[in-house]
Every structure is written in C-alpha cells, then in structure tokens.
Amino acid sequence: MQYSNTYESVVKTQVVSGQDQKPLNLGLTDVEGAKAVARRLFDTYDRDRNGQIDNVEVVPMIVDVYKSFNRIFSPARGDIDSFYKVLDRNQDGKITYQDLEDLCIRYLTNQTPTNLRATEAPRLSGIQQTSQTVTSQYRRSQF
C-alpha cells in the first residue's frame, strides 16, 4: 500500500471538500474535518489494528511526511524517537487515535482541542476574531 498517496488524499480531500458553506475559521478545515483526517491517518498507519501506532508503524508516517515535501528521508533511531514524542500528545508512551485527533484539531483548525472539550463552544467566525489573531495567522502562513 502506498502510504504517501493516502496522506496526500486525506489532506487534499479535507481542503477542497466543499466546506465553504460553514463559517470562516482561518484553518484548513473545521473540527469534524480534522477528526476525519485523524481517523483516516490512524487507520492507515495502525497496521496491526491494536489501537496504537508503535515505533515500527511510525516510520512510514515519517517517510510520507517528507515525501509530501518532495524529500527522500530515511529516519534514524533518534528521528523516530523525536517524531514519536511529538505525536504522543499526552506523553503516555503510546500514539493513540486521541493523540492524532488532538494534533489534527490543533493544526488544521487553528484551535486547541482541550479548550474545545472544556467549553464545547462553537467555532468563532473569522470576522469575530481579533485583528491581532488574524495578523499572526497571516504571518505564519507566509513561511
């Protein structure tokens, strides 16, 4: 199975999936879209279906991330350990679906997952956000 094709199709599907009828959120997608990306990524890389992504399963994930930037990369042990720590959001030594969901929500919607769970508040539209937030998001998107 080609992992990189799955990775690219997940991102492209979520970006162009016709979600333009929802309020502007200045992220790539909304919370439900981010959860769908997380589910598809998790299902793709959890090859043994044990509910977590282990050190062996994370290697194709790293390789595919670099492929998406047209780079060939063969991760060393230190690279694998570092990547694993980044993905293990709650630092319990396991990469679970919840870890990937938190990452996808944070980086694809520009929201903090824990804040969403705590308040369960609807996403503010881009018009309601402060100009400082919009400016900082614009600067980040330029690099």
Protein backbone atom coordinates (compact mmCIF):
# COMPACT_ATOMS: atom_id res chain seq x y z
CA MET A 1 0.00 0.00 0.00
CA GLN A 2 1.28 3.46 -0.84
CA TYR A 3 1.13 5.47 2.36
CA SER A 4 2.04 8.77 0.72
CA ASN A 5 -0.94 8.59 -1.62
CA THR A 6 -3.24 8.16 1.37
CA TYR A 7 -1.60 11.05 3.22
CA GLU A 8 -1.92 13.40 0.25
CA SER A 9 -5.51 12.38 -0.49
CA VAL A 10 -6.53 12.95 3.13
CA VAL A 11 -5.18 16.47 3.12
CA LYS A 12 -6.49 17.36 -0.35
CA THR A 13 -9.94 15.90 0.36
CA GLN A 14 -10.32 17.90 3.52
CA VAL A 15 -9.15 21.14 1.95
CA VAL A 16 -11.40 21.03 -1.12
CA SER A 17 -14.37 19.07 0.20
CA GLY A 18 -16.93 21.83 -0.26
CA GLN A 19 -16.93 23.05 3.31
CA ASP A 20 -17.17 26.64 2.11
CA GLN A 21 -20.74 26.87 3.41
CA LYS A 22 -19.52 26.85 7.02
CA PRO A 23 -18.19 29.93 8.84
CA LEU A 24 -14.66 31.03 8.01
CA ASN A 25 -12.27 29.60 10.57
CA LEU A 26 -8.89 30.53 9.06
CA GLY A 27 -7.79 26.90 9.42
CA LEU A 28 -7.67 24.28 6.70
CA THR A 29 -10.91 22.67 7.89
CA ASP A 30 -13.42 22.56 10.74
CA VAL A 31 -13.33 20.27 13.79
CA GLU A 32 -15.27 17.46 12.10
CA GLY A 33 -12.97 17.62 9.08
CA ALA A 34 -9.91 17.46 11.36
CA LYS A 35 -11.37 14.42 13.12
CA ALA A 36 -11.93 12.74 9.75
CA VAL A 37 -8.29 13.38 8.81
CA ALA A 38 -7.14 11.94 12.14
CA ARG A 39 -9.29 8.83 11.69
CA ARG A 40 -8.02 8.22 8.18
CA LEU A 41 -4.38 8.73 9.18
CA PHE A 42 -4.75 6.49 12.22
CA ASP A 43 -6.45 3.74 10.24
CA THR A 44 -3.75 3.96 7.57
CA TYR A 45 -0.75 3.68 9.89
CA ASP A 46 -2.09 1.39 12.66
CA ARG A 47 -1.37 -1.64 10.51
CA ASP A 48 -1.77 -4.28 13.23
CA ARG A 49 -5.05 -2.67 14.41
CA ASN A 50 -4.06 -2.74 18.08
CA GLY A 51 -5.31 0.80 18.78
CA GLN A 52 -1.93 2.48 18.81
CA ILE A 53 0.86 3.38 16.43
CA ASP A 54 4.15 1.87 17.57
CA ASN A 55 7.75 2.71 16.65
CA VAL A 56 7.68 0.42 13.62
CA GLU A 57 4.42 1.86 12.29
CA VAL A 58 5.57 5.46 12.73
CA VAL A 59 8.45 5.02 10.24
CA PRO A 60 6.23 5.02 7.11
CA MET A 61 4.44 8.03 8.56
CA ILE A 62 7.73 9.96 8.82
CA VAL A 63 8.78 8.92 5.32
CA ASP A 64 5.41 10.03 3.92
CA VAL A 65 5.62 13.43 5.60
CA TYR A 66 8.94 14.04 3.90
CA LYS A 67 7.61 12.69 0.58
CA SER A 68 4.83 15.26 0.72
CA PHE A 69 7.61 17.88 0.60
CA ASN A 70 9.37 16.05 -2.26
CA ARG A 71 12.15 14.87 0.05
CA ILE A 72 13.55 11.39 0.45
CA PHE A 73 14.33 10.66 4.07
CA SER A 74 15.39 7.54 5.90
CA PRO A 75 14.81 8.20 9.62
CA ALA A 76 17.44 7.19 12.16
CA ARG A 77 16.53 5.92 15.65
CA GLY A 78 16.74 9.45 17.09
CA ASP A 79 14.41 10.78 14.38
CA ILE A 80 11.86 8.08 15.15
CA ASP A 81 12.02 8.77 18.89
CA SER A 82 11.64 12.53 18.35
CA PHE A 83 8.71 12.14 15.97
CA TYR A 84 7.08 9.68 18.36
CA LYS A 85 7.34 12.18 21.22
CA VAL A 86 5.75 14.90 19.10
CA LEU A 87 2.81 12.66 18.18
CA ASP A 88 2.35 11.34 21.73
CA ARG A 89 0.42 14.42 22.88
CA ASN A 90 -0.46 13.19 26.37
CA GLN A 91 3.02 11.68 26.88
CA ASP A 92 1.75 8.27 27.95
CA GLY A 93 4.25 6.41 25.74
CA LYS A 94 1.61 5.50 23.13
CA ILE A 95 0.36 7.17 19.98
CA THR A 96 -3.39 6.69 20.03
CA TYR A 97 -6.22 7.97 17.90
CA GLN A 98 -6.86 10.66 20.54
CA ASP A 99 -3.27 11.91 20.13
CA LEU A 100 -3.69 12.23 16.36
CA GLU A 101 -7.11 13.82 16.74
CA ASP A 102 -5.70 16.46 19.10
CA LEU A 103 -2.88 17.24 16.66
CA CYS A 104 -5.23 17.46 13.68
CA ILE A 105 -7.66 19.71 15.51
CA ARG A 106 -4.89 21.98 16.69
CA TYR A 107 -3.10 22.36 13.38
CA LEU A 108 -5.91 22.00 10.83
CA THR A 109 -8.48 24.19 12.60
CA ASN A 110 -6.13 26.51 14.48
CA GLN A 111 -7.90 25.63 17.74
CA THR A 112 -6.79 23.99 20.96
CA PRO A 113 -8.55 20.62 21.40
CA THR A 114 -8.64 20.83 25.21
CA ASN A 115 -10.36 24.21 25.04
CA LEU A 116 -12.96 22.78 22.69
CA ARG A 117 -13.71 19.90 25.04
CA ALA A 118 -13.81 22.13 28.11
CA THR A 119 -16.18 24.72 26.70
CA GLU A 120 -17.82 22.84 23.82
CA ALA A 121 -18.30 26.30 22.33
CA PRO A 122 -18.94 26.73 18.62
CA ARG A 123 -16.10 27.98 16.46
CA LEU A 124 -15.94 31.75 16.06
CA SER A 125 -16.06 33.04 12.54
CA GLY A 126 -13.06 34.86 11.09
CA ILE A 127 -14.96 38.14 11.32
CA GLN A 128 -15.31 37.79 15.09
CA GLN A 129 -11.62 37.14 15.68
CA THR A 130 -9.37 39.97 16.73
CA SER A 131 -7.14 41.63 14.17
CA GLN A 132 -4.10 40.54 16.17
CA THR A 133 -5.05 36.87 15.75
CA VAL A 134 -5.71 37.30 12.05
CA THR A 135 -2.39 39.11 11.60
CA SER A 136 -0.41 36.43 13.43
CA GLN A 137 -2.12 33.69 11.40
CA TYR A 138 -1.28 35.54 8.18
CA ARG A 139 2.37 35.81 9.19
CA ARG A 140 2.57 32.09 9.96
CA SER A 141 1.02 31.19 6.61
CA GLN A 142 3.70 33.16 4.76
CA PHE A 143 6.50 30.85 5.86
